[in-house]
N, C-alpha and C. Protein backbone atom coordinates (compact mmCIF):
# COMPACT_ATOMS: atom_id res chain seq x y z
N MET A 1 61.70 100.23 103.59
CA MET A 1 62.08 100.46 102.21
C MET A 1 60.87 100.91 101.40
N ILE A 2 59.76 100.24 101.56
CA ILE A 2 58.57 100.59 100.79
C ILE A 2 58.06 101.97 101.19
N LYS A 3 58.08 102.27 102.50
CA LYS A 3 57.59 103.57 102.95
C LYS A 3 58.42 104.70 102.37
N SER A 4 59.74 104.54 102.31
CA SER A 4 60.57 105.62 101.77
C SER A 4 60.29 105.82 100.29
N ASN A 5 60.04 104.73 99.56
CA ASN A 5 59.69 104.88 98.14
C ASN A 5 58.38 105.62 97.99
N MET A 6 57.41 105.31 98.83
CA MET A 6 56.11 105.98 98.74
C MET A 6 56.25 107.46 99.07
N ARG A 7 57.06 107.78 100.09
CA ARG A 7 57.26 109.18 100.43
C ARG A 7 57.88 109.93 99.26
N PHE A 8 58.86 109.32 98.64
CA PHE A 8 59.52 109.96 97.49
C PHE A 8 58.52 110.15 96.36
N TYR A 9 57.70 109.14 96.11
CA TYR A 9 56.73 109.25 95.02
C TYR A 9 55.74 110.37 95.29
N ARG A 10 55.24 110.46 96.52
CA ARG A 10 54.30 111.52 96.84
C ARG A 10 54.94 112.88 96.70
N PHE A 11 56.17 113.02 97.17
CA PHE A 11 56.87 114.29 97.06
C PHE A 11 57.09 114.66 95.60
N PHE A 12 57.52 113.70 94.81
CA PHE A 12 57.83 113.96 93.42
C PHE A 12 56.59 114.32 92.63
N SER A 13 55.52 113.54 92.79
CA SER A 13 54.31 113.80 92.01
C SER A 13 53.65 115.11 92.43
N ALA A 14 53.71 115.44 93.70
CA ALA A 14 53.10 116.69 94.15
C ALA A 14 53.88 117.89 93.65
N SER A 15 55.20 117.80 93.67
CA SER A 15 56.00 118.95 93.26
C SER A 15 55.92 119.17 91.76
N SER A 16 55.87 118.09 90.97
CA SER A 16 55.85 118.27 89.52
C SER A 16 54.50 118.76 89.03
N SER A 17 53.41 118.33 89.66
CA SER A 17 52.11 118.76 89.18
C SER A 17 51.77 120.17 89.65
N SER A 18 52.21 120.54 90.84
CA SER A 18 51.85 121.85 91.35
C SER A 18 52.63 122.96 90.66
N SER A 19 53.87 122.68 90.27
CA SER A 19 54.68 123.74 89.70
C SER A 19 54.19 124.14 88.32
N SER A 20 53.71 123.19 87.53
CA SER A 20 53.29 123.55 86.18
C SER A 20 51.89 124.16 86.17
N SER A 21 51.03 123.79 87.10
CA SER A 21 49.68 124.30 87.07
C SER A 21 49.52 125.60 87.84
N SER A 22 50.39 125.86 88.83
CA SER A 22 50.20 127.03 89.67
C SER A 22 50.68 128.31 89.00
N THR A 23 51.58 128.22 88.03
CA THR A 23 52.09 129.41 87.39
C THR A 23 51.36 129.63 86.08
N SER A 24 50.55 130.68 86.04
CA SER A 24 49.89 131.02 84.79
C SER A 24 50.69 132.15 84.15
N LEU A 25 50.93 131.99 82.87
CA LEU A 25 51.76 132.95 82.16
C LEU A 25 50.89 133.95 81.41
N SER A 26 51.38 135.17 81.32
CA SER A 26 50.68 136.18 80.55
C SER A 26 50.98 135.94 79.07
N PRO A 27 50.17 136.51 78.18
CA PRO A 27 50.43 136.35 76.74
C PRO A 27 51.81 136.89 76.33
N SER A 28 52.28 137.94 76.98
CA SER A 28 53.61 138.45 76.64
C SER A 28 54.71 137.48 77.07
N ASP A 29 54.51 136.81 78.22
CA ASP A 29 55.47 135.79 78.66
C ASP A 29 55.51 134.63 77.67
N ILE A 30 54.35 134.23 77.19
CA ILE A 30 54.28 133.12 76.24
C ILE A 30 54.98 133.50 74.94
N GLN A 31 54.77 134.74 74.48
CA GLN A 31 55.45 135.19 73.26
C GLN A 31 56.97 135.21 73.46
N THR A 32 57.41 135.65 74.63
CA THR A 32 58.84 135.66 74.93
C THR A 32 59.41 134.25 74.89
N LEU A 33 58.69 133.30 75.47
CA LEU A 33 59.16 131.92 75.47
C LEU A 33 59.19 131.34 74.06
N LYS A 34 58.19 131.68 73.26
CA LYS A 34 58.17 131.18 71.87
C LYS A 34 59.35 131.73 71.08
N LYS A 35 59.66 133.01 71.28
CA LYS A 35 60.82 133.60 70.60
C LYS A 35 62.11 132.93 71.06
N LEU A 36 62.21 132.67 72.36
CA LEU A 36 63.39 132.02 72.90
C LEU A 36 63.58 130.63 72.29
N VAL A 37 62.49 129.86 72.20
CA VAL A 37 62.56 128.51 71.64
C VAL A 37 62.97 128.56 70.17
N ALA A 38 62.45 129.54 69.44
CA ALA A 38 62.73 129.61 68.01
C ALA A 38 64.16 130.04 67.70
N SER A 39 64.75 130.86 68.55
CA SER A 39 66.03 131.45 68.16
C SER A 39 67.19 131.19 69.12
N PHE A 40 66.99 130.46 70.20
CA PHE A 40 68.06 130.30 71.19
C PHE A 40 69.15 129.37 70.67
N LYS A 41 70.38 129.80 70.80
CA LYS A 41 71.55 129.02 70.37
C LYS A 41 72.59 129.07 71.47
N PRO A 42 73.55 128.15 71.43
CA PRO A 42 74.61 128.17 72.45
C PRO A 42 75.39 129.48 72.48
N THR A 43 75.43 130.21 71.36
CA THR A 43 76.15 131.49 71.34
C THR A 43 75.44 132.57 72.13
N HIS A 44 74.15 132.36 72.45
CA HIS A 44 73.40 133.33 73.24
C HIS A 44 73.66 133.21 74.74
N ILE A 45 74.37 132.17 75.14
CA ILE A 45 74.65 131.97 76.57
C ILE A 45 75.84 132.85 76.95
N PRO A 46 75.68 133.74 77.92
CA PRO A 46 76.80 134.59 78.34
C PRO A 46 77.81 133.79 79.17
N THR A 47 78.92 133.45 78.56
CA THR A 47 79.91 132.61 79.26
C THR A 47 80.55 133.33 80.45
N ASP A 48 80.49 134.67 80.46
CA ASP A 48 81.05 135.39 81.60
C ASP A 48 80.18 135.23 82.85
N LYS A 49 78.93 134.79 82.69
CA LYS A 49 78.03 134.56 83.82
C LYS A 49 78.11 133.11 84.33
N LEU A 50 78.91 132.27 83.67
CA LEU A 50 79.05 130.87 84.05
C LEU A 50 80.40 130.66 84.72
N LEU A 51 80.44 129.71 85.62
CA LEU A 51 81.70 129.28 86.19
C LEU A 51 82.14 128.08 85.36
N ILE A 52 83.26 128.22 84.65
CA ILE A 52 83.75 127.16 83.78
C ILE A 52 85.02 126.58 84.40
N GLN A 53 85.02 125.27 84.58
CA GLN A 53 86.17 124.58 85.14
C GLN A 53 86.55 123.43 84.22
N TYR A 54 87.82 123.08 84.23
CA TYR A 54 88.30 121.93 83.47
C TYR A 54 88.93 120.95 84.43
N ASN A 55 88.55 119.69 84.33
CA ASN A 55 89.04 118.64 85.21
C ASN A 55 89.59 117.49 84.38
N ARG A 56 90.17 116.54 85.06
CA ARG A 56 90.67 115.35 84.38
C ARG A 56 89.50 114.51 83.92
N SER A 57 89.56 114.09 82.70
CA SER A 57 88.51 113.28 82.11
C SER A 57 88.73 111.81 82.42
N SER A 58 87.67 111.03 82.47
CA SER A 58 87.80 109.59 82.68
C SER A 58 87.64 108.88 81.35
N GLY A 59 87.93 107.62 81.31
CA GLY A 59 87.71 106.84 80.10
C GLY A 59 88.94 106.72 79.23
N ALA A 60 88.69 106.31 78.00
CA ALA A 60 89.78 106.03 77.06
C ALA A 60 90.49 107.31 76.67
N GLY A 61 91.71 107.17 76.20
CA GLY A 61 92.49 108.32 75.76
C GLY A 61 93.97 108.13 76.01
N GLY A 62 94.33 106.99 76.54
CA GLY A 62 95.75 106.72 76.77
C GLY A 62 96.31 107.58 77.89
N GLN A 63 97.59 107.88 77.80
CA GLN A 63 98.26 108.68 78.83
C GLN A 63 97.80 110.13 78.83
N ASN A 64 97.22 110.57 77.72
CA ASN A 64 96.74 111.95 77.62
C ASN A 64 95.70 112.25 78.69
N VAL A 65 94.88 111.25 79.04
CA VAL A 65 93.82 111.44 80.03
C VAL A 65 94.43 111.81 81.38
N ASN A 66 95.56 111.24 81.70
CA ASN A 66 96.18 111.48 82.99
C ASN A 66 96.94 112.80 83.07
N LYS A 67 97.18 113.43 81.93
CA LYS A 67 98.01 114.64 81.91
C LYS A 67 97.23 115.93 81.67
N VAL A 68 96.13 115.85 80.92
CA VAL A 68 95.46 117.07 80.47
C VAL A 68 94.05 117.15 81.06
N ASN A 69 93.68 118.35 81.50
CA ASN A 69 92.33 118.59 82.01
C ASN A 69 91.40 118.93 80.84
N THR A 70 90.71 117.93 80.32
CA THR A 70 89.86 118.16 79.15
C THR A 70 88.36 118.15 79.48
N LYS A 71 87.97 117.60 80.59
CA LYS A 71 86.56 117.56 80.97
C LYS A 71 86.09 118.97 81.31
N ALA A 72 85.04 119.43 80.62
CA ALA A 72 84.50 120.78 80.86
C ALA A 72 83.31 120.68 81.80
N GLU A 73 83.26 121.61 82.75
CA GLU A 73 82.17 121.66 83.72
C GLU A 73 81.65 123.09 83.79
N LEU A 74 80.35 123.24 83.53
CA LEU A 74 79.70 124.55 83.61
C LEU A 74 78.86 124.59 84.87
N ARG A 75 78.89 125.72 85.57
CA ARG A 75 78.08 125.91 86.77
C ARG A 75 77.47 127.30 86.74
N PHE A 76 76.21 127.37 87.13
CA PHE A 76 75.56 128.66 87.35
C PHE A 76 74.36 128.44 88.25
N VAL A 77 73.93 129.51 88.90
CA VAL A 77 72.77 129.45 89.80
C VAL A 77 71.55 129.93 89.00
N PRO A 78 70.60 129.04 88.71
CA PRO A 78 69.46 129.42 87.87
C PRO A 78 68.66 130.60 88.43
N LEU A 79 68.51 130.68 89.76
CA LEU A 79 67.72 131.77 90.33
C LEU A 79 68.37 133.14 90.11
N GLU A 80 69.68 133.16 89.92
CA GLU A 80 70.39 134.42 89.71
C GLU A 80 70.70 134.68 88.24
N ALA A 81 70.28 133.80 87.35
CA ALA A 81 70.57 133.93 85.92
C ALA A 81 69.59 134.90 85.29
N GLN A 82 69.93 136.18 85.29
CA GLN A 82 69.05 137.21 84.73
C GLN A 82 68.96 137.13 83.21
N TRP A 83 69.85 136.40 82.59
CA TRP A 83 69.83 136.25 81.13
C TRP A 83 68.76 135.26 80.67
N LEU A 84 68.08 134.62 81.62
CA LEU A 84 66.97 133.71 81.32
C LEU A 84 65.67 134.28 81.87
N PRO A 85 64.56 134.14 81.13
CA PRO A 85 63.27 134.55 81.69
C PRO A 85 62.92 133.71 82.93
N HIS A 86 62.18 134.30 83.83
CA HIS A 86 61.84 133.63 85.10
C HIS A 86 61.17 132.27 84.89
N PRO A 87 60.19 132.13 83.97
CA PRO A 87 59.57 130.80 83.80
C PRO A 87 60.58 129.73 83.37
N VAL A 88 61.59 130.12 82.61
CA VAL A 88 62.60 129.15 82.17
C VAL A 88 63.48 128.75 83.35
N ARG A 89 63.81 129.70 84.19
CA ARG A 89 64.63 129.40 85.37
C ARG A 89 63.93 128.39 86.27
N THR A 90 62.65 128.62 86.55
CA THR A 90 61.92 127.69 87.41
C THR A 90 61.74 126.33 86.73
N ALA A 91 61.53 126.34 85.41
CA ALA A 91 61.38 125.07 84.70
C ALA A 91 62.68 124.28 84.71
N LEU A 92 63.81 124.97 84.58
CA LEU A 92 65.11 124.28 84.66
C LEU A 92 65.27 123.61 86.02
N MET A 93 64.89 124.31 87.06
CA MET A 93 65.03 123.75 88.40
C MET A 93 64.07 122.58 88.62
N ASP A 94 62.87 122.66 88.05
CA ASP A 94 61.90 121.57 88.20
C ASP A 94 62.31 120.34 87.39
N ARG A 95 62.74 120.57 86.17
CA ARG A 95 63.04 119.46 85.25
C ARG A 95 64.38 118.79 85.54
N HIS A 96 65.32 119.52 86.11
CA HIS A 96 66.67 118.99 86.30
C HIS A 96 67.11 119.07 87.76
N GLU A 97 66.27 118.56 88.66
CA GLU A 97 66.61 118.58 90.09
C GLU A 97 67.90 117.84 90.37
N ASN A 98 68.17 116.79 89.58
CA ASN A 98 69.36 115.99 89.84
C ASN A 98 70.65 116.68 89.40
N ARG A 99 70.57 117.77 88.66
CA ARG A 99 71.75 118.51 88.23
C ARG A 99 72.03 119.71 89.12
N ILE A 100 71.25 119.91 90.15
CA ILE A 100 71.43 121.06 91.03
C ILE A 100 71.99 120.58 92.36
N ASN A 101 73.10 121.19 92.78
CA ASN A 101 73.73 120.77 94.03
C ASN A 101 73.13 121.53 95.22
N LYS A 102 73.68 121.32 96.40
CA LYS A 102 73.13 121.94 97.62
C LYS A 102 73.27 123.45 97.60
N LYS A 103 74.23 123.97 96.88
CA LYS A 103 74.41 125.42 96.78
C LYS A 103 73.44 126.06 95.80
N GLY A 104 72.68 125.24 95.08
CA GLY A 104 71.74 125.75 94.09
C GLY A 104 72.36 125.94 92.72
N GLU A 105 73.55 125.36 92.51
CA GLU A 105 74.23 125.50 91.23
C GLU A 105 73.76 124.41 90.26
N PHE A 106 73.48 124.83 89.05
CA PHE A 106 73.12 123.92 87.97
C PHE A 106 74.43 123.49 87.31
N ILE A 107 74.68 122.18 87.26
CA ILE A 107 75.97 121.68 86.78
C ILE A 107 75.79 120.85 85.52
N ILE A 108 76.57 121.18 84.50
CA ILE A 108 76.60 120.41 83.26
C ILE A 108 78.05 120.07 82.96
N THR A 109 78.30 118.81 82.66
CA THR A 109 79.66 118.39 82.33
C THR A 109 79.69 117.76 80.94
N SER A 110 80.88 117.78 80.34
CA SER A 110 81.08 117.12 79.07
C SER A 110 82.50 116.58 79.01
N GLU A 111 82.61 115.31 78.65
CA GLU A 111 83.92 114.71 78.49
C GLU A 111 83.94 113.79 77.26
N ARG A 112 83.09 114.11 76.28
CA ARG A 112 83.00 113.29 75.07
C ARG A 112 84.24 113.40 74.19
N PHE A 113 84.83 114.58 74.17
CA PHE A 113 85.93 114.84 73.24
C PHE A 113 87.26 114.90 73.98
N ARG A 114 88.34 115.00 73.21
CA ARG A 114 89.67 114.97 73.81
C ARG A 114 90.30 116.36 73.94
N THR A 115 89.51 117.41 73.64
CA THR A 115 90.03 118.76 73.79
C THR A 115 89.10 119.58 74.67
N GLN A 116 89.66 120.58 75.34
CA GLN A 116 88.87 121.44 76.21
C GLN A 116 87.82 122.21 75.42
N LEU A 117 88.20 122.77 74.30
CA LEU A 117 87.29 123.60 73.52
C LEU A 117 86.09 122.79 73.01
N ALA A 118 86.36 121.58 72.52
CA ALA A 118 85.26 120.75 72.02
C ALA A 118 84.31 120.36 73.17
N ASN A 119 84.87 120.05 74.33
CA ASN A 119 84.03 119.71 75.48
C ASN A 119 83.26 120.93 76.00
N LEU A 120 83.87 122.10 75.96
CA LEU A 120 83.17 123.32 76.36
C LEU A 120 81.99 123.58 75.42
N ASN A 121 82.23 123.46 74.12
CA ASN A 121 81.15 123.66 73.14
C ASN A 121 80.04 122.63 73.33
N ASP A 122 80.41 121.39 73.64
CA ASP A 122 79.42 120.35 73.87
C ASP A 122 78.60 120.66 75.12
N ALA A 123 79.25 121.12 76.18
CA ALA A 123 78.53 121.48 77.41
C ALA A 123 77.60 122.67 77.17
N LEU A 124 78.05 123.64 76.40
CA LEU A 124 77.18 124.79 76.06
C LEU A 124 75.99 124.33 75.23
N GLU A 125 76.21 123.37 74.34
CA GLU A 125 75.11 122.81 73.54
C GLU A 125 74.11 122.09 74.45
N LYS A 126 74.61 121.34 75.43
CA LYS A 126 73.72 120.66 76.39
C LYS A 126 72.90 121.67 77.18
N LEU A 127 73.54 122.75 77.61
CA LEU A 127 72.84 123.79 78.36
C LEU A 127 71.79 124.45 77.48
N SER A 128 72.13 124.72 76.23
CA SER A 128 71.19 125.32 75.29
C SER A 128 69.97 124.41 75.10
N ASP A 129 70.21 123.12 74.92
CA ASP A 129 69.11 122.17 74.77
C ASP A 129 68.23 122.13 76.01
N ALA A 130 68.85 122.19 77.19
CA ALA A 130 68.08 122.18 78.43
C ALA A 130 67.23 123.44 78.57
N VAL A 131 67.78 124.59 78.17
CA VAL A 131 67.03 125.85 78.24
C VAL A 131 65.85 125.82 77.28
N VAL A 132 66.07 125.35 76.06
CA VAL A 132 64.98 125.28 75.08
C VAL A 132 63.89 124.31 75.53
N ALA A 133 64.29 123.15 76.06
CA ALA A 133 63.32 122.18 76.55
C ALA A 133 62.52 122.74 77.73
N ALA A 134 63.19 123.47 78.60
CA ALA A 134 62.50 124.08 79.74
C ALA A 134 61.50 125.14 79.27
N ALA A 135 61.89 125.93 78.28
CA ALA A 135 60.99 126.95 77.75
C ALA A 135 59.79 126.29 77.07
N GLN A 136 60.03 125.22 76.31
CA GLN A 136 58.94 124.53 75.63
C GLN A 136 57.96 123.91 76.63
N SER A 137 58.48 123.46 77.77
CA SER A 137 57.60 122.85 78.77
C SER A 137 56.65 123.87 79.40
N ARG A 138 56.99 125.13 79.38
CA ARG A 138 56.15 126.17 79.98
C ARG A 138 55.16 126.79 78.98
N ILE A 139 55.32 126.50 77.69
CA ILE A 139 54.40 127.03 76.69
C ILE A 139 53.17 126.14 76.65
N PRO A 140 51.98 126.70 76.89
CA PRO A 140 50.78 125.87 76.84
C PRO A 140 50.48 125.45 75.40
N PRO A 141 49.88 124.28 75.21
CA PRO A 141 49.58 123.82 73.85
C PRO A 141 48.52 124.72 73.20
N GLU A 142 48.62 124.82 71.89
CA GLU A 142 47.65 125.62 71.14
C GLU A 142 46.29 124.94 71.17
N VAL A 143 45.23 125.74 71.25
CA VAL A 143 43.88 125.21 71.26
C VAL A 143 43.34 125.24 69.83
N ASP A 144 43.01 124.06 69.32
CA ASP A 144 42.46 123.93 67.99
C ASP A 144 40.95 123.75 68.14
N GLU A 145 40.18 124.69 67.59
CA GLU A 145 38.72 124.67 67.77
C GLU A 145 38.10 123.41 67.20
N GLU A 146 38.60 122.94 66.06
CA GLU A 146 38.06 121.72 65.47
C GLU A 146 38.27 120.53 66.40
N LYS A 147 39.44 120.47 66.99
CA LYS A 147 39.75 119.37 67.90
C LYS A 147 38.86 119.42 69.13
N VAL A 148 38.66 120.63 69.67
CA VAL A 148 37.79 120.78 70.84
C VAL A 148 36.37 120.33 70.51
N GLU A 149 35.88 120.72 69.34
CA GLU A 149 34.54 120.34 68.91
C GLU A 149 34.43 118.83 68.72
N ARG A 150 35.46 118.23 68.14
CA ARG A 150 35.46 116.78 67.91
C ARG A 150 35.47 116.03 69.24
N ILE A 151 36.26 116.52 70.20
CA ILE A 151 36.30 115.89 71.52
C ILE A 151 34.94 115.98 72.19
N LYS A 152 34.30 117.14 72.05
CA LYS A 152 32.97 117.32 72.64
C LYS A 152 31.97 116.35 72.02
N ASP A 153 32.01 116.21 70.69
CA ASP A 153 31.11 115.29 70.01
C ASP A 153 31.36 113.84 70.43
N LEU A 154 32.63 113.48 70.55
CA LEU A 154 32.97 112.12 70.96
C LEU A 154 32.50 111.83 72.39
N LYS A 155 32.60 112.83 73.26
CA LYS A 155 32.12 112.64 74.63
C LYS A 155 30.61 112.44 74.66
N GLU A 156 29.88 113.23 73.85
CA GLU A 156 28.43 113.07 73.78
C GLU A 156 28.06 111.70 73.23
N TYR A 157 28.76 111.27 72.18
CA TYR A 157 28.50 109.96 71.59
C TYR A 157 28.77 108.86 72.61
N ASP A 158 29.83 109.00 73.36
CA ASP A 158 30.18 108.01 74.37
C ASP A 158 29.13 107.95 75.47
N LYS A 159 28.62 109.12 75.86
CA LYS A 159 27.55 109.16 76.88
C LYS A 159 26.30 108.43 76.38
N GLU A 160 25.92 108.73 75.13
CA GLU A 160 24.74 108.08 74.56
C GLU A 160 24.92 106.57 74.48
N ARG A 161 26.10 106.14 74.04
CA ARG A 161 26.39 104.72 73.92
C ARG A 161 26.35 104.04 75.28
N THR A 162 26.88 104.69 76.30
CA THR A 162 26.85 104.14 77.65
C THR A 162 25.42 104.01 78.14
N MET A 163 24.61 105.04 77.91
CA MET A 163 23.20 104.99 78.36
C MET A 163 22.44 103.87 77.65
N LYS A 164 22.66 103.72 76.34
CA LYS A 164 21.99 102.65 75.60
C LYS A 164 22.41 101.28 76.14
N SER A 165 23.69 101.15 76.44
CA SER A 165 24.19 99.88 76.98
C SER A 165 23.55 99.58 78.33
N LYS A 166 23.45 100.60 79.17
CA LYS A 166 22.83 100.41 80.49
C LYS A 166 21.35 100.05 80.35
N GLN A 167 20.66 100.72 79.44
CA GLN A 167 19.24 100.44 79.24
C GLN A 167 19.04 99.01 78.73
N HIS A 168 19.93 98.59 77.83
CA HIS A 168 19.84 97.24 77.28
C HIS A 168 20.07 96.21 78.39
N ARG A 169 21.08 96.42 79.22
CA ARG A 169 21.34 95.50 80.33
C ARG A 169 20.17 95.50 81.31
N SER A 170 19.62 96.66 81.57
CA SER A 170 18.50 96.76 82.50
C SER A 170 17.28 96.00 81.98
N SER A 171 16.99 96.16 80.70
CA SER A 171 15.82 95.47 80.14
C SER A 171 16.05 93.96 80.11
N ALA A 172 17.27 93.52 79.84
CA ALA A 172 17.56 92.09 79.84
C ALA A 172 17.37 91.51 81.24
N LYS A 173 17.82 92.22 82.24
CA LYS A 173 17.65 91.75 83.61
C LYS A 173 16.18 91.75 84.02
N ALA A 174 15.45 92.77 83.57
CA ALA A 174 14.03 92.85 83.90
C ALA A 174 13.27 91.68 83.27
N GLN A 175 13.62 91.28 82.06
CA GLN A 175 12.96 90.14 81.42
C GLN A 175 13.27 88.85 82.16
N ARG A 176 14.47 88.72 82.69
CA ARG A 176 14.83 87.52 83.43
C ARG A 176 14.05 87.41 84.74
N ARG A 177 13.79 88.56 85.33
CA ARG A 177 13.08 88.56 86.61
C ARG A 177 11.64 88.11 86.44
N GLY A 178 11.02 88.56 85.39
CA GLY A 178 9.63 88.22 85.20
C GLY A 178 8.75 89.09 86.07
N SER A 179 7.48 88.84 86.03
CA SER A 179 6.56 89.63 86.86
C SER A 179 6.27 88.90 88.15
N ARG A 180 5.70 89.57 89.11
CA ARG A 180 5.38 88.96 90.41
C ARG A 180 4.16 88.02 90.30
N ASP A 181 3.43 88.17 89.23
CA ASP A 181 2.23 87.33 89.06
C ASP A 181 2.58 85.89 88.76
N ASP A 182 3.81 85.64 88.31
CA ASP A 182 4.19 84.27 87.93
C ASP A 182 4.30 83.34 89.13
N TYR A 183 4.42 83.83 90.32
CA TYR A 183 4.61 82.97 91.48
C TYR A 183 3.32 82.53 92.08
């Protein structure tokens, strides 16, 4: 049991760290992602490129639940989704491994509401949020020169403080030892 957990941890940590650091984006890719984050809405998702299915919903709703297919399910293959930039597609696959089946389909479901249309809109909203979050995860943080300078100063101060502390400890120990002439 412990070995399988360790294997999973190693696999998970290696895959998540390598995917974000190995892909360097060009400035035009970063601008594209920033535009996508700023303006992406559920209406921008091409529903003709999605497989939309309606199933029986679970939970409360009385006899209506047993008669009407209100649960909305969206499916698409991220690698084939040309309507998304490549960095977003890979980020979706990295961030939402548990939503991708063996066929490589990204699955989103919604059964919050009692109508098909409301559940479809909710599922599209979930997909939109996932796309925006994936795009944001690929945008590198802005570099603030003041912050970089402050971090550099703090590191220098910390080095000096550490050296003073070591020198103080060293001198205290040297005083305790005394000289060899005392014996």
